[in-house]
């Protein structure tokens, strides 16, 4: 890779934010809109943002935004499940920032938050339509497991030991 190509890559700052913030609301609106377009049966988030917000606050979790300057490039959350494992949720990368490795970097950042919360196991679920996410999770060392939740949109469940 040339020196110019490396310098053209944006840098990202990872910031823990309030899951009820306007920035998260905008990001999740974009994310949920994409899911609605991609899922065979559409997607309806219902009141999940409001209902789940407390799960993504310390000491139970974290909602992380990846920023490039003033631009929200992506986000994701981690929460502690009742059995003590951590769960990655709401991972989304804005279209202009895809294909640059940000998803992999954000996932590793969320795994670091899981470790900081005292978790050695991380789980996540996803839909079959999200083939890029499935490939990324497998490349990051996640393996498929049986369903661990009742998410009606999930078709694949993964786990990784940290």
Protein backbone atom coordinates (compact mmCIF):
# COMPACT_ATOMS: atom_id res chain seq x y z
CA UNK A 1 0.00 0.00 0.00
CA UNK A 2 1.37 3.40 -0.87
CA UNK A 3 2.09 6.08 1.71
CA UNK A 4 -0.66 8.24 0.21
CA UNK A 5 -3.24 5.45 0.54
CA UNK A 6 -2.41 5.06 4.24
CA UNK A 7 -2.67 8.79 4.88
CA UNK A 8 -6.08 8.89 3.15
CA UNK A 9 -7.57 6.57 5.76
CA UNK A 10 -9.67 8.45 8.31
CA UNK A 11 -8.84 8.16 11.97
CA UNK A 12 -11.54 7.26 14.45
CA UNK A 13 -12.21 8.19 18.05
CA UNK A 14 -14.26 5.79 20.16
CA UNK A 15 -16.46 7.48 22.76
CA UNK A 16 -18.90 6.00 25.28
CA UNK A 17 -22.14 7.97 24.98
CA UNK A 18 -25.57 8.13 26.56
CA UNK A 19 -27.74 5.54 24.76
CA UNK A 20 -30.60 8.06 24.87
CA UNK A 21 -28.62 10.75 23.01
CA UNK A 22 -29.73 12.35 19.77
CA UNK A 23 -26.59 10.98 18.09
CA UNK A 24 -27.65 7.42 18.94
CA UNK A 25 -31.24 8.09 17.87
CA UNK A 26 -30.01 9.30 14.44
CA UNK A 27 -27.59 6.40 14.06
CA UNK A 28 -30.18 3.82 15.06
CA UNK A 29 -32.77 5.34 12.71
CA UNK A 30 -30.32 4.85 9.84
CA UNK A 31 -29.41 1.34 11.02
CA UNK A 32 -33.01 0.23 11.53
CA UNK A 33 -33.95 1.67 8.11
CA UNK A 34 -31.26 -0.46 6.48
CA UNK A 35 -32.44 -3.56 8.34
CA UNK A 36 -35.99 -2.91 7.18
CA UNK A 37 -34.76 -2.80 3.57
CA UNK A 38 -32.50 -5.87 3.82
CA UNK A 39 -34.53 -8.31 5.91
CA UNK A 40 -36.91 -10.51 3.92
CA UNK A 41 -39.80 -9.70 6.25
CA UNK A 42 -38.73 -6.14 7.05
CA UNK A 43 -37.75 -4.86 10.48
CA UNK A 44 -39.65 -3.05 13.20
CA UNK A 45 -37.58 -1.93 16.19
CA UNK A 46 -40.66 -0.96 18.18
CA UNK A 47 -39.68 0.70 21.45
CA UNK A 48 -36.40 -1.20 21.79
CA UNK A 49 -34.23 1.93 22.03
CA UNK A 50 -36.15 3.23 25.01
CA UNK A 51 -36.73 -0.16 26.61
CA UNK A 52 -33.08 -1.30 26.38
CA UNK A 53 -31.26 1.99 27.05
CA UNK A 54 -30.42 1.24 30.71
CA UNK A 55 -28.77 -2.05 29.67
CA UNK A 56 -26.16 -0.05 27.76
CA UNK A 57 -25.12 2.20 30.65
CA UNK A 58 -22.31 1.58 33.12
CA UNK A 59 -21.97 -0.58 35.13
CA UNK A 60 -24.12 -2.93 33.01
CA UNK A 61 -22.80 -2.01 29.59
CA UNK A 62 -21.65 0.70 27.23
CA UNK A 63 -22.84 2.35 24.03
CA UNK A 64 -19.87 3.36 21.90
CA UNK A 65 -19.76 5.76 18.97
CA UNK A 66 -16.95 5.80 16.42
CA UNK A 67 -16.37 9.32 15.20
CA UNK A 68 -14.29 10.67 12.37
CA UNK A 69 -14.06 14.36 13.16
CA UNK A 70 -17.64 15.54 13.69
CA UNK A 71 -19.03 12.63 11.64
CA UNK A 72 -20.66 9.64 13.35
CA UNK A 73 -18.97 6.79 11.49
CA UNK A 74 -20.54 3.92 13.42
CA UNK A 75 -21.67 2.63 16.77
CA UNK A 76 -22.23 -0.45 18.84
CA UNK A 77 -23.14 -1.51 22.33
CA UNK A 78 -22.29 -4.16 24.86
CA UNK A 79 -24.44 -5.34 27.75
CA UNK A 80 -24.19 -7.95 30.47
CA UNK A 81 -26.63 -10.85 30.13
CA UNK A 82 -28.34 -12.48 33.14
CA UNK A 83 -25.96 -15.48 32.93
CA UNK A 84 -22.94 -13.17 33.18
CA UNK A 85 -21.84 -13.30 29.54
CA UNK A 86 -21.57 -10.08 27.56
CA UNK A 87 -23.60 -9.41 24.42
CA UNK A 88 -22.69 -7.16 21.51
CA UNK A 89 -25.69 -5.26 20.14
CA UNK A 90 -26.54 -2.50 17.65
CA UNK A 91 -23.31 -2.68 15.63
CA UNK A 92 -23.62 -0.37 12.65
CA UNK A 93 -21.17 1.38 10.33
CA UNK A 94 -22.29 4.36 8.24
CA UNK A 95 -22.11 3.63 4.50
CA UNK A 96 -19.28 6.12 3.73
CA UNK A 97 -17.06 4.37 6.32
CA UNK A 98 -17.61 0.77 5.26
CA UNK A 99 -14.83 -1.30 3.76
CA UNK A 100 -12.12 0.40 5.82
CA UNK A 101 -11.86 -2.06 8.71
CA UNK A 102 -13.89 0.08 11.09
CA UNK A 103 -16.33 -2.76 11.86
CA UNK A 104 -13.50 -5.04 12.94
CA UNK A 105 -11.93 -2.27 15.03
CA UNK A 106 -15.25 -1.36 16.65
CA UNK A 107 -15.95 -5.03 17.45
CA UNK A 108 -12.54 -5.33 19.16
CA UNK A 109 -13.27 -2.13 21.08
CA UNK A 110 -16.60 -3.55 22.27
CA UNK A 111 -14.87 -6.77 23.29
CA UNK A 112 -12.46 -4.66 25.39
CA UNK A 113 -15.50 -3.12 27.12
CA UNK A 114 -16.84 -6.62 27.78
CA UNK A 115 -13.53 -7.59 29.39
CA UNK A 116 -13.60 -4.42 31.50
CA UNK A 117 -17.07 -5.42 32.69
CA UNK A 118 -15.57 -8.73 33.85
CA UNK A 119 -16.77 -10.93 31.01
CA UNK A 120 -14.79 -13.73 29.39
CA UNK A 121 -17.58 -14.74 27.03
CA UNK A 122 -19.18 -12.55 24.37
CA UNK A 123 -22.29 -13.44 22.39
CA UNK A 124 -24.18 -11.80 19.57
CA UNK A 125 -26.96 -12.55 17.14
CA UNK A 126 -27.61 -11.51 13.57
CA UNK A 127 -29.85 -12.04 10.58
CA UNK A 128 -28.97 -14.14 7.52
CA UNK A 129 -29.28 -11.06 5.31
CA UNK A 130 -26.26 -9.47 7.01
CA UNK A 131 -23.68 -11.60 5.22
CA UNK A 132 -20.88 -9.06 5.69
CA UNK A 133 -21.43 -9.09 9.46
CA UNK A 134 -21.50 -12.88 9.58
CA UNK A 135 -18.19 -13.06 7.70
CA UNK A 136 -16.65 -10.45 10.01
CA UNK A 137 -17.77 -12.27 13.16
CA UNK A 138 -16.37 -15.59 11.93
CA UNK A 139 -13.08 -13.93 10.94
CA UNK A 140 -12.91 -12.39 14.44
CA UNK A 141 -13.08 -15.85 16.06
CA UNK A 142 -16.79 -16.18 16.79
CA UNK A 143 -18.39 -19.60 16.34
CA UNK A 144 -22.06 -20.40 15.83
CA UNK A 145 -24.03 -21.61 18.83
CA UNK A 146 -27.64 -22.52 19.55
CA UNK A 147 -30.10 -19.70 20.11
CA UNK A 148 -29.58 -17.98 23.46
CA UNK A 149 -32.38 -15.40 23.13
CA UNK A 150 -35.81 -14.86 21.62
CA UNK A 151 -34.86 -12.16 19.10
CA UNK A 152 -37.46 -12.69 16.33
CA UNK A 153 -35.11 -11.25 13.67
CA UNK A 154 -32.05 -13.36 14.56
CA UNK A 155 -31.19 -16.41 12.46
CA UNK A 156 -27.59 -16.87 13.64
CA UNK A 157 -26.15 -16.80 17.16
CA UNK A 158 -22.42 -16.55 17.88
CA UNK A 159 -20.08 -16.76 20.82
CA UNK A 160 -16.40 -16.04 21.50
CA UNK A 161 -14.19 -16.65 24.49
CA UNK A 162 -12.06 -13.59 25.23
